[in-house]
Amino acid sequence: MEQNRVCLKCKEVKANTLFPATRYPVGRSPIICNVCKDCRRQYMLSYRKEKKEHIKKYRKEYEIKNSESIKTKQKEYRKNNKEFIAKLNKEWIENNRGLKNAHTGKRKAVELKATPKWLTESDWFRINAKYQLAAMFNAYTGEEWEVDHIFPLQGKEVCGLHVPSNLRVIPWLENVKKGNKLIEDRV
């Protein structure tokens, strides 16, 4: 037979299943939660709304202190869940086709503006070879490799061109870390 409890917040009599599970803190006696899930949810929503800036600051500090372990865990997660992540990405693209097309269009426009008209057939061959090299690295190593613009096409300090001498093949994670920044030792 199902037991009932009174919620301390809303004062309603509700089934035990509508209360959070009992928690057992280490070294202490069990905590019996006498606030129903609905009231708890309402409280947490209002708390997060009130303390939004505090929570944001705390998360930022935590990310800074633990950046290496976070990156390691993310890398491990991506490695162990490639199929799931690919499925999520595919679903996102299907549900956000407009955003995806806008992003792709913007990228192509930037690349077209950054591609000089004076490139020779040999230059195009070298550009294509770098992309093929990245694809071969992906296939042989099982890790993600990308073609990076040494001088970013949309950099804050300087904007580069889409030319062979400005391209290099690097691991995906290194490219993500770099973003659209200029690496000083490459200049």
N, C-alpha and C. Protein backbone atom coordinates (compact mmCIF):
# COMPACT_ATOMS: atom_id res chain seq x y z
N MET A 1 0.84 -1.18 0.00
CA MET A 1 0.00 0.00 0.00
C MET A 1 0.89 1.25 0.00
N GLU A 2 0.53 2.20 -0.82
CA GLU A 2 1.33 3.41 -0.98
C GLU A 2 1.08 4.37 0.19
N GLN A 3 2.15 4.93 0.74
CA GLN A 3 2.03 5.85 1.85
C GLN A 3 1.97 7.28 1.32
N ASN A 4 1.44 8.15 2.14
CA ASN A 4 1.34 9.56 1.79
C ASN A 4 2.11 10.41 2.79
N ARG A 5 2.51 11.59 2.33
CA ARG A 5 3.19 12.54 3.20
C ARG A 5 2.63 13.93 2.94
N VAL A 6 2.87 14.81 3.87
CA VAL A 6 2.45 16.20 3.73
C VAL A 6 3.68 17.01 3.30
N CYS A 7 3.52 17.76 2.24
CA CYS A 7 4.61 18.64 1.76
C CYS A 7 4.70 19.83 2.69
N LEU A 8 5.91 20.14 3.17
CA LEU A 8 6.09 21.26 4.09
C LEU A 8 5.87 22.61 3.40
N LYS A 9 6.01 22.65 2.09
CA LYS A 9 5.90 23.91 1.35
C LYS A 9 4.44 24.22 0.98
N CYS A 10 3.80 23.29 0.26
CA CYS A 10 2.44 23.54 -0.21
C CYS A 10 1.36 23.02 0.73
N LYS A 11 1.77 22.26 1.76
CA LYS A 11 0.88 21.70 2.79
C LYS A 11 -0.15 20.71 2.24
N GLU A 12 0.13 20.14 1.07
CA GLU A 12 -0.79 19.15 0.49
C GLU A 12 -0.32 17.75 0.85
N VAL A 13 -1.29 16.84 0.95
CA VAL A 13 -0.98 15.44 1.19
C VAL A 13 -0.74 14.80 -0.18
N LYS A 14 0.44 14.20 -0.36
CA LYS A 14 0.81 13.63 -1.65
C LYS A 14 1.43 12.26 -1.45
N ALA A 15 1.42 11.47 -2.51
CA ALA A 15 2.01 10.13 -2.47
C ALA A 15 3.52 10.23 -2.30
N ASN A 16 4.11 9.23 -1.66
CA ASN A 16 5.57 9.19 -1.44
C ASN A 16 6.36 9.29 -2.74
N THR A 17 5.78 8.79 -3.82
CA THR A 17 6.49 8.82 -5.11
C THR A 17 6.67 10.23 -5.64
N LEU A 18 5.90 11.18 -5.11
CA LEU A 18 6.01 12.57 -5.55
C LEU A 18 7.02 13.37 -4.73
N PHE A 19 7.79 12.68 -3.90
CA PHE A 19 8.85 13.30 -3.11
C PHE A 19 10.20 12.78 -3.60
N PRO A 20 11.25 13.63 -3.57
CA PRO A 20 12.58 13.16 -3.99
C PRO A 20 13.04 11.98 -3.14
N ALA A 21 13.89 11.16 -3.72
CA ALA A 21 14.42 10.00 -3.00
C ALA A 21 15.21 10.45 -1.79
N THR A 22 15.22 9.61 -0.77
CA THR A 22 15.98 9.88 0.44
C THR A 22 17.47 9.84 0.11
N ARG A 23 18.20 10.80 0.63
CA ARG A 23 19.64 10.86 0.39
C ARG A 23 20.39 10.49 1.66
N TYR A 24 21.54 9.85 1.49
CA TYR A 24 22.36 9.43 2.62
C TYR A 24 23.72 10.12 2.55
N PRO A 25 23.89 11.26 3.23
CA PRO A 25 25.20 11.91 3.22
C PRO A 25 26.23 11.06 3.97
N VAL A 26 27.47 11.16 3.56
CA VAL A 26 28.54 10.39 4.18
C VAL A 26 28.71 10.82 5.63
N GLY A 27 28.67 9.84 6.54
CA GLY A 27 28.92 10.09 7.95
C GLY A 27 27.76 10.72 8.70
N ARG A 28 26.59 10.82 8.07
CA ARG A 28 25.43 11.42 8.74
C ARG A 28 24.23 10.50 8.62
N SER A 29 23.23 10.81 9.38
CA SER A 29 21.99 10.03 9.27
C SER A 29 21.24 10.47 8.00
N PRO A 30 20.32 9.63 7.52
CA PRO A 30 19.61 9.95 6.28
C PRO A 30 18.82 11.25 6.37
N ILE A 31 18.77 11.96 5.24
CA ILE A 31 17.97 13.17 5.15
C ILE A 31 16.66 12.78 4.47
N ILE A 32 15.57 13.02 5.14
CA ILE A 32 14.27 12.70 4.56
C ILE A 32 13.70 14.00 4.02
N CYS A 33 13.48 14.03 2.72
CA CYS A 33 13.00 15.25 2.07
C CYS A 33 11.49 15.32 2.23
N ASN A 34 10.99 16.36 2.86
CA ASN A 34 9.57 16.54 3.08
C ASN A 34 8.97 17.63 2.20
N VAL A 35 9.66 17.96 1.12
CA VAL A 35 9.16 18.93 0.15
C VAL A 35 8.96 18.18 -1.15
N CYS A 36 7.78 18.29 -1.74
CA CYS A 36 7.47 17.52 -2.95
C CYS A 36 8.32 17.99 -4.14
N LYS A 37 8.36 17.16 -5.17
CA LYS A 37 9.19 17.44 -6.34
C LYS A 37 8.76 18.74 -7.03
N ASP A 38 7.45 19.01 -7.09
CA ASP A 38 6.96 20.23 -7.73
C ASP A 38 7.43 21.48 -6.99
N CYS A 39 7.31 21.46 -5.67
CA CYS A 39 7.75 22.61 -4.87
C CYS A 39 9.27 22.77 -4.94
N ARG A 40 9.98 21.66 -4.93
CA ARG A 40 11.44 21.69 -5.05
C ARG A 40 11.86 22.30 -6.39
N ARG A 41 11.17 21.90 -7.46
CA ARG A 41 11.46 22.42 -8.80
C ARG A 41 11.20 23.93 -8.84
N GLN A 42 10.07 24.37 -8.26
CA GLN A 42 9.75 25.79 -8.22
C GLN A 42 10.82 26.57 -7.46
N TYR A 43 11.25 26.02 -6.32
CA TYR A 43 12.29 26.67 -5.52
C TYR A 43 13.59 26.79 -6.31
N MET A 44 13.99 25.70 -6.98
CA MET A 44 15.25 25.72 -7.72
C MET A 44 15.19 26.71 -8.88
N LEU A 45 14.06 26.80 -9.56
CA LEU A 45 13.92 27.76 -10.66
C LEU A 45 14.05 29.19 -10.15
N SER A 46 13.39 29.50 -9.03
CA SER A 46 13.48 30.86 -8.49
C SER A 46 14.88 31.14 -7.96
N TYR A 47 15.52 30.13 -7.34
CA TYR A 47 16.88 30.30 -6.83
C TYR A 47 17.84 30.61 -7.98
N ARG A 48 17.73 29.83 -9.05
CA ARG A 48 18.62 30.05 -10.21
C ARG A 48 18.39 31.41 -10.84
N LYS A 49 17.14 31.85 -10.84
CA LYS A 49 16.82 33.16 -11.40
C LYS A 49 17.42 34.28 -10.54
N GLU A 50 17.26 34.16 -9.20
CA GLU A 50 17.79 35.17 -8.28
C GLU A 50 19.31 35.21 -8.28
N LYS A 51 19.93 34.04 -8.29
CA LYS A 51 21.38 33.93 -8.15
C LYS A 51 22.09 33.72 -9.49
N LYS A 52 21.49 34.16 -10.56
CA LYS A 52 22.03 33.91 -11.90
C LYS A 52 23.48 34.38 -12.03
N GLU A 53 23.77 35.59 -11.61
CA GLU A 53 25.13 36.14 -11.73
C GLU A 53 26.11 35.38 -10.84
N HIS A 54 25.69 35.05 -9.62
CA HIS A 54 26.54 34.29 -8.70
C HIS A 54 26.88 32.92 -9.29
N ILE A 55 25.88 32.25 -9.83
CA ILE A 55 26.09 30.92 -10.42
C ILE A 55 27.02 31.03 -11.62
N LYS A 56 26.82 32.06 -12.44
CA LYS A 56 27.66 32.27 -13.62
C LYS A 56 29.12 32.49 -13.21
N LYS A 57 29.32 33.31 -12.18
CA LYS A 57 30.67 33.60 -11.68
C LYS A 57 31.32 32.33 -11.13
N TYR A 58 30.55 31.56 -10.34
CA TYR A 58 31.07 30.31 -9.76
C TYR A 58 31.47 29.33 -10.85
N ARG A 59 30.62 29.17 -11.87
CA ARG A 59 30.93 28.23 -12.96
C ARG A 59 32.18 28.66 -13.71
N LYS A 60 32.32 29.97 -13.93
CA LYS A 60 33.50 30.48 -14.64
C LYS A 60 34.77 30.19 -13.84
N GLU A 61 34.73 30.45 -12.53
CA GLU A 61 35.88 30.17 -11.67
C GLU A 61 36.21 28.68 -11.67
N TYR A 62 35.17 27.85 -11.60
CA TYR A 62 35.36 26.40 -11.61
C TYR A 62 36.02 25.95 -12.93
N GLU A 63 35.54 26.50 -14.05
CA GLU A 63 36.11 26.15 -15.35
C GLU A 63 37.58 26.55 -15.44
N ILE A 64 37.93 27.70 -14.88
CA ILE A 64 39.31 28.16 -14.92
C ILE A 64 40.19 27.25 -14.06
N LYS A 65 39.73 26.92 -12.85
CA LYS A 65 40.52 26.08 -11.95
C LYS A 65 40.69 24.66 -12.48
N ASN A 66 39.67 24.15 -13.16
CA ASN A 66 39.65 22.74 -13.56
C ASN A 66 39.66 22.56 -15.08
N SER A 67 40.23 23.52 -15.80
CA SER A 67 40.15 23.48 -17.27
C SER A 67 40.78 22.22 -17.86
N GLU A 68 41.91 21.81 -17.33
CA GLU A 68 42.58 20.62 -17.89
C GLU A 68 41.75 19.36 -17.68
N SER A 69 41.23 19.16 -16.47
CA SER A 69 40.44 17.95 -16.22
C SER A 69 39.14 17.98 -17.01
N ILE A 70 38.55 19.17 -17.19
CA ILE A 70 37.33 19.29 -17.99
C ILE A 70 37.62 18.92 -19.44
N LYS A 71 38.72 19.44 -19.99
CA LYS A 71 39.08 19.12 -21.38
C LYS A 71 39.35 17.64 -21.55
N THR A 72 40.02 17.04 -20.58
CA THR A 72 40.30 15.61 -20.64
C THR A 72 39.01 14.80 -20.63
N LYS A 73 38.09 15.15 -19.73
CA LYS A 73 36.81 14.45 -19.65
C LYS A 73 36.00 14.64 -20.94
N GLN A 74 36.02 15.87 -21.50
CA GLN A 74 35.28 16.12 -22.74
C GLN A 74 35.87 15.30 -23.89
N LYS A 75 37.19 15.25 -23.96
CA LYS A 75 37.85 14.49 -25.02
C LYS A 75 37.51 13.01 -24.89
N GLU A 76 37.56 12.50 -23.68
CA GLU A 76 37.22 11.10 -23.42
C GLU A 76 35.76 10.82 -23.78
N TYR A 77 34.88 11.74 -23.42
CA TYR A 77 33.45 11.58 -23.72
C TYR A 77 33.23 11.54 -25.24
N ARG A 78 33.86 12.50 -25.95
CA ARG A 78 33.71 12.54 -27.42
C ARG A 78 34.24 11.26 -28.04
N LYS A 79 35.36 10.75 -27.51
CA LYS A 79 35.96 9.53 -28.03
C LYS A 79 35.04 8.33 -27.82
N ASN A 80 34.40 8.24 -26.65
CA ASN A 80 33.55 7.10 -26.31
C ASN A 80 32.13 7.21 -26.87
N ASN A 81 31.73 8.39 -27.32
CA ASN A 81 30.34 8.59 -27.76
C ASN A 81 30.25 9.21 -29.16
N LYS A 82 31.16 8.81 -30.05
CA LYS A 82 31.19 9.40 -31.40
C LYS A 82 29.86 9.25 -32.13
N GLU A 83 29.28 8.05 -32.07
CA GLU A 83 28.03 7.80 -32.79
C GLU A 83 26.89 8.63 -32.23
N PHE A 84 26.80 8.71 -30.90
CA PHE A 84 25.75 9.49 -30.26
C PHE A 84 25.89 10.97 -30.60
N ILE A 85 27.11 11.49 -30.55
CA ILE A 85 27.36 12.90 -30.86
C ILE A 85 27.04 13.18 -32.32
N ALA A 86 27.42 12.26 -33.21
CA ALA A 86 27.10 12.41 -34.63
C ALA A 86 25.59 12.45 -34.84
N LYS A 87 24.87 11.59 -34.11
CA LYS A 87 23.40 11.56 -34.21
C LYS A 87 22.81 12.89 -33.73
N LEU A 88 23.31 13.40 -32.59
CA LEU A 88 22.83 14.68 -32.08
C LEU A 88 23.11 15.82 -33.06
N ASN A 89 24.33 15.82 -33.63
CA ASN A 89 24.68 16.86 -34.61
C ASN A 89 23.76 16.79 -35.82
N LYS A 90 23.49 15.58 -36.29
CA LYS A 90 22.62 15.40 -37.46
C LYS A 90 21.21 15.91 -37.15
N GLU A 91 20.71 15.56 -35.96
CA GLU A 91 19.39 16.03 -35.55
C GLU A 91 19.36 17.55 -35.45
N TRP A 92 20.42 18.14 -34.86
CA TRP A 92 20.47 19.60 -34.73
C TRP A 92 20.44 20.26 -36.10
N ILE A 93 21.21 19.72 -37.03
CA ILE A 93 21.25 20.29 -38.37
C ILE A 93 19.87 20.19 -39.03
N GLU A 94 19.20 19.03 -38.85
CA GLU A 94 17.86 18.87 -39.42
C GLU A 94 16.87 19.85 -38.81
N ASN A 95 16.96 20.08 -37.50
CA ASN A 95 16.03 20.98 -36.81
C ASN A 95 16.40 22.45 -36.94
N ASN A 96 17.64 22.74 -37.34
CA ASN A 96 18.11 24.12 -37.44
C ASN A 96 18.74 24.37 -38.80
N ARG A 97 18.10 23.89 -39.84
CA ARG A 97 18.63 23.98 -41.20
C ARG A 97 18.97 25.43 -41.56
N GLY A 98 18.11 26.37 -41.17
CA GLY A 98 18.36 27.77 -41.48
C GLY A 98 19.64 28.29 -40.85
N LEU A 99 19.84 27.97 -39.56
CA LEU A 99 21.06 28.41 -38.88
C LEU A 99 22.29 27.78 -39.50
N LYS A 100 22.21 26.50 -39.82
CA LYS A 100 23.34 25.80 -40.43
C LYS A 100 23.67 26.41 -41.78
N ASN A 101 22.65 26.67 -42.59
CA ASN A 101 22.88 27.28 -43.91
C ASN A 101 23.46 28.69 -43.78
N ALA A 102 22.98 29.43 -42.77
CA ALA A 102 23.51 30.78 -42.56
C ALA A 102 24.98 30.73 -42.18
N HIS A 103 25.33 29.80 -41.29
CA HIS A 103 26.73 29.65 -40.87
C HIS A 103 27.61 29.24 -42.05
N THR A 104 27.15 28.25 -42.81
CA THR A 104 27.91 27.79 -43.96
C THR A 104 28.07 28.90 -44.99
N GLY A 105 26.97 29.63 -45.23
CA GLY A 105 27.02 30.73 -46.19
C GLY A 105 27.99 31.82 -45.77
N LYS A 106 27.96 32.15 -44.48
CA LYS A 106 28.88 33.17 -43.97
C LYS A 106 30.33 32.72 -44.13
N ARG A 107 30.59 31.47 -43.79
CA ARG A 107 31.94 30.93 -43.90
C ARG A 107 32.42 30.96 -45.35
N LYS A 108 31.54 30.54 -46.26
CA LYS A 108 31.92 30.53 -47.69
C LYS A 108 32.17 31.95 -48.20
N ALA A 109 31.33 32.90 -47.76
CA ALA A 109 31.52 34.29 -48.19
C ALA A 109 32.84 34.84 -47.70
N VAL A 110 33.17 34.54 -46.46
CA VAL A 110 34.45 35.00 -45.90
C VAL A 110 35.60 34.36 -46.67
N GLU A 111 35.46 33.06 -46.94
CA GLU A 111 36.53 32.36 -47.64
C GLU A 111 36.69 32.91 -49.07
N LEU A 112 35.56 33.22 -49.71
CA LEU A 112 35.63 33.78 -51.07
C LEU A 112 36.30 35.15 -51.06
N LYS A 113 35.97 35.97 -50.07
CA LYS A 113 36.61 37.29 -49.98
C LYS A 113 38.09 37.15 -49.68
N ALA A 114 38.46 36.09 -48.94
CA ALA A 114 39.85 35.90 -48.55
C ALA A 114 40.63 35.09 -49.57
N THR A 115 39.98 34.68 -50.66
CA THR A 115 40.66 33.91 -51.69
C THR A 115 41.03 34.86 -52.83
N PRO A 116 42.31 35.11 -53.02
CA PRO A 116 42.71 36.05 -54.08
C PRO A 116 42.49 35.47 -55.48
N LYS A 117 42.24 36.35 -56.42
CA LYS A 117 41.98 35.93 -57.80
C LYS A 117 43.27 35.47 -58.50
N TRP A 118 44.43 35.84 -57.97
CA TRP A 118 45.70 35.52 -58.61
C TRP A 118 46.22 34.12 -58.30
N LEU A 119 45.45 33.28 -57.59
CA LEU A 119 45.91 31.92 -57.31
C LEU A 119 46.05 31.13 -58.61
N THR A 120 47.14 30.41 -58.71
CA THR A 120 47.39 29.61 -59.91
C THR A 120 46.81 28.21 -59.74
N GLU A 121 46.84 27.43 -60.79
CA GLU A 121 46.39 26.04 -60.73
C GLU A 121 47.22 25.25 -59.73
N SER A 122 48.49 25.55 -59.68
CA SER A 122 49.39 24.91 -58.73
C SER A 122 49.00 25.23 -57.28
N ASP A 123 48.60 26.49 -57.02
CA ASP A 123 48.15 26.89 -55.68
C ASP A 123 46.90 26.11 -55.28
N TRP A 124 45.96 25.99 -56.21
CA TRP A 124 44.73 25.24 -55.93
C TRP A 124 45.03 23.77 -55.67
N PHE A 125 45.99 23.24 -56.39
CA PHE A 125 46.39 21.85 -56.18
C PHE A 125 46.94 21.68 -54.75
N ARG A 126 47.77 22.62 -54.31
CA ARG A 126 48.35 22.56 -52.96
C ARG A 126 47.28 22.72 -51.88
N ILE A 127 46.29 23.60 -52.12
CA ILE A 127 45.19 23.77 -51.17
C ILE A 127 44.40 22.47 -51.05
N ASN A 128 44.02 21.89 -52.18
CA ASN A 128 43.27 20.63 -52.18
C ASN A 128 44.06 19.52 -51.52
N ALA A 129 45.38 19.51 -51.74
CA ALA A 129 46.23 18.47 -51.15
C ALA A 129 46.21 18.54 -49.63
N LYS A 130 46.16 19.76 -49.07
CA LYS A 130 46.12 19.90 -47.60
C LYS A 130 44.82 19.32 -47.05
N TYR A 131 43.70 19.57 -47.73
CA TYR A 131 42.42 19.02 -47.28
C TYR A 131 42.41 17.50 -47.42
N GLN A 132 43.02 16.99 -48.48
CA GLN A 132 43.10 15.54 -48.65
C GLN A 132 44.01 14.92 -47.58
N LEU A 133 45.08 15.61 -47.23
CA LEU A 133 45.97 15.14 -46.19
C LEU A 133 45.23 15.04 -44.85
N ALA A 134 44.42 16.05 -44.54
CA ALA A 134 43.62 16.03 -43.31
C ALA A 134 42.67 14.83 -43.31
N ALA A 135 42.05 14.56 -44.45
CA ALA A 135 41.13 13.41 -44.56
C ALA A 135 41.89 12.10 -44.37
N MET A 136 43.09 12.01 -44.91
CA MET A 136 43.90 10.79 -44.75
C MET A 136 44.30 10.61 -43.28
N PHE A 137 44.71 11.68 -42.61
CA PHE A 137 45.04 11.59 -41.19
C PHE A 137 43.83 11.12 -40.38
N ASN A 138 42.64 11.64 -40.72
CA ASN A 138 41.42 11.21 -40.03
C ASN A 138 41.22 9.71 -40.19
N ALA A 139 41.39 9.23 -41.41
CA ALA A 139 41.16 7.81 -41.70
C ALA A 139 42.20 6.92 -41.02
N TYR A 140 43.46 7.31 -41.05
CA TYR A 140 44.52 6.44 -40.53
C TYR A 140 44.68 6.50 -39.02
N THR A 141 44.49 7.67 -38.43
CA THR A 141 44.71 7.78 -36.99
C THR A 141 43.44 7.57 -36.18
N GLY A 142 42.29 7.76 -36.82
CA GLY A 142 41.03 7.65 -36.09
C GLY A 142 40.72 8.89 -35.27
N GLU A 143 41.58 9.88 -35.35
CA GLU A 143 41.37 11.15 -34.65
C GLU A 143 40.97 12.21 -35.67
N GLU A 144 40.41 13.30 -35.17
CA GLU A 144 39.96 14.39 -36.04
C GLU A 144 41.13 15.32 -36.38
N TRP A 145 41.32 15.58 -37.65
CA TRP A 145 42.33 16.53 -38.13
C TRP A 145 41.61 17.55 -39.00
N GLU A 146 42.11 18.80 -38.96
CA GLU A 146 41.49 19.87 -39.73
C GLU A 146 42.56 20.71 -40.41
N VAL A 147 42.11 21.44 -41.43
CA VAL A 147 42.99 22.40 -42.10
C VAL A 147 42.77 23.74 -41.40
N ASP A 148 43.84 24.30 -40.88
CA ASP A 148 43.79 25.53 -40.11
C ASP A 148 44.40 26.67 -40.91
N HIS A 149 43.81 27.86 -40.77
CA HIS A 149 44.41 29.07 -41.34
C HIS A 149 45.34 29.65 -40.27
N ILE A 150 46.62 29.71 -40.55
CA ILE A 150 47.61 30.23 -39.60
C ILE A 150 47.24 31.66 -39.22
N PHE A 151 47.01 32.50 -40.22
CA PHE A 151 46.47 33.83 -40.02
C PHE A 151 44.96 33.69 -40.23
N PRO A 152 44.14 33.80 -39.18
CA PRO A 152 42.71 33.52 -39.29
C PRO A 152 42.02 34.41 -40.33
N LEU A 153 40.99 33.84 -40.98
CA LEU A 153 40.25 34.61 -41.97
C LEU A 153 39.42 35.71 -41.31
N GLN A 154 39.02 35.49 -40.06
CA GLN A 154 38.22 36.48 -39.34
C GLN A 154 38.89 36.81 -38.01
N GLY A 155 40.18 37.05 -38.02
CA GLY A 155 40.90 37.35 -36.80
C GLY A 155 40.60 38.74 -36.25
N LYS A 156 40.83 38.94 -34.96
CA LYS A 156 40.60 40.23 -34.34
C LYS A 156 41.76 41.19 -34.63
N GLU A 157 42.97 40.63 -34.67
CA GLU A 157 44.16 41.46 -34.87
C GLU A 157 44.53 41.59 -36.34
N VAL A 158 44.40 40.49 -37.07
CA VAL A 158 44.81 40.46 -38.47
C VAL A 158 43.97 39.42 -39.20
N CYS A 159 43.72 39.64 -40.46
CA CYS A 159 42.96 38.68 -41.27
C CYS A 159 43.86 38.14 -42.37
N GLY A 160 43.90 36.82 -42.50
CA GLY A 160 44.75 36.18 -43.49
C GLY A 160 43.99 35.87 -44.77
N LEU A 161 44.70 35.23 -45.70
CA LEU A 161 44.13 34.84 -46.98
C LEU A 161 43.99 33.33 -47.04
N HIS A 162 43.10 32.88 -47.91
CA HIS A 162 42.92 31.44 -48.15
C HIS A 162 43.90 31.05 -49.26
N VAL A 163 45.17 30.92 -48.86
CA VAL A 163 46.24 30.56 -49.80
C VAL A 163 47.04 29.41 -49.19
N PRO A 164 47.77 28.64 -50.03
CA PRO A 164 48.49 27.47 -49.51
C PRO A 164 49.46 27.77 -48.38
N SER A 165 50.15 28.89 -48.45
CA SER A 165 51.15 29.20 -47.42
C SER A 165 50.52 29.56 -46.07
N ASN A 166 49.20 29.81 -46.05
CA ASN A 166 48.51 30.16 -44.82
C ASN A 166 47.75 28.96 -44.25
N LEU A 167 47.91 27.79 -44.85
CA LEU A 167 47.18 26.60 -44.40
C LEU A 167 48.13 25.59 -43.79
N ARG A 168 47.62 24.88 -42.78
CA ARG A 168 48.37 23.77 -42.18
C ARG A 168 47.36 22.75 -41.68
N VAL A 169 47.80 21.50 -41.58
CA VAL A 169 46.95 20.42 -41.09
C VAL A 169 47.32 20.18 -39.63
N ILE A 170 46.32 20.32 -38.75
CA ILE A 170 46.56 20.15 -37.31
C ILE A 170 45.43 19.34 -36.69
N PRO A 171 45.66 18.77 -35.50
CA PRO A 171 44.57 18.05 -34.82
C PRO A 171 43.40 18.98 -34.51
N TRP A 172 42.21 18.41 -34.51
CA TRP A 172 40.98 19.16 -34.30
C TRP A 172 41.02 19.95 -32.99
N LEU A 173 41.44 19.30 -31.91
CA LEU A 173 41.43 19.95 -30.60
C LEU A 173 42.36 21.17 -30.58
N GLU A 174 43.50 21.05 -31.22
CA GLU A 174 44.43 22.19 -31.29
C GLU A 174 43.80 23.35 -32.05
N ASN A 175 43.06 23.04 -33.10
CA ASN A 175 42.40 24.07 -33.89
C ASN A 175 41.29 24.74 -33.10
N VAL A 176 40.55 23.96 -32.32
CA VAL A 176 39.49 24.51 -31.49
C VAL A 176 40.07 25.44 -30.42
N LYS A 177 41.19 25.02 -29.81
CA LYS A 177 41.84 25.84 -28.79
C LYS A 177 42.31 27.16 -29.38
N LYS A 178 42.83 27.09 -30.60
CA LYS A 178 43.37 28.28 -31.25
C LYS A 178 42.25 29.25 -31.61
N GLY A 179 41.13 28.73 -32.11
CA GLY A 179 40.02 29.58 -32.51
C GLY A 179 40.43 30.51 -33.63
N ASN A 180 40.03 31.79 -33.53
CA ASN A 180 40.41 32.75 -34.57
C ASN A 180 41.52 33.68 -34.08
N LYS A 181 42.38 33.13 -33.20
CA LYS A 181 43.50 33.93 -32.68
C LYS A 181 44.75 33.68 -33.53
N LEU A 182 45.64 34.62 -33.48
CA LEU A 182 46.92 34.51 -34.17
C LEU A 182 47.94 33.94 -33.19
N ILE A 183 48.61 32.87 -33.59
CA ILE A 183 49.65 32.26 -32.74
C ILE A 183 50.94 33.01 -33.03
N GLU A 184 51.48 33.67 -32.00
CA GLU A 184 52.63 34.56 -32.18
C GLU A 184 53.88 33.84 -32.68
N ASP A 185 54.13 32.61 -32.22
CA ASP A 185 55.37 31.94 -32.62
C ASP A 185 55.34 31.50 -34.07
N ARG A 186 54.20 31.58 -34.75
CA ARG A 186 54.10 31.18 -36.16
C ARG A 186 54.38 32.35 -37.09
N VAL A 187 54.46 33.57 -36.53
CA VAL A 187 54.62 34.77 -37.37
C VAL A 187 56.06 34.97 -37.72
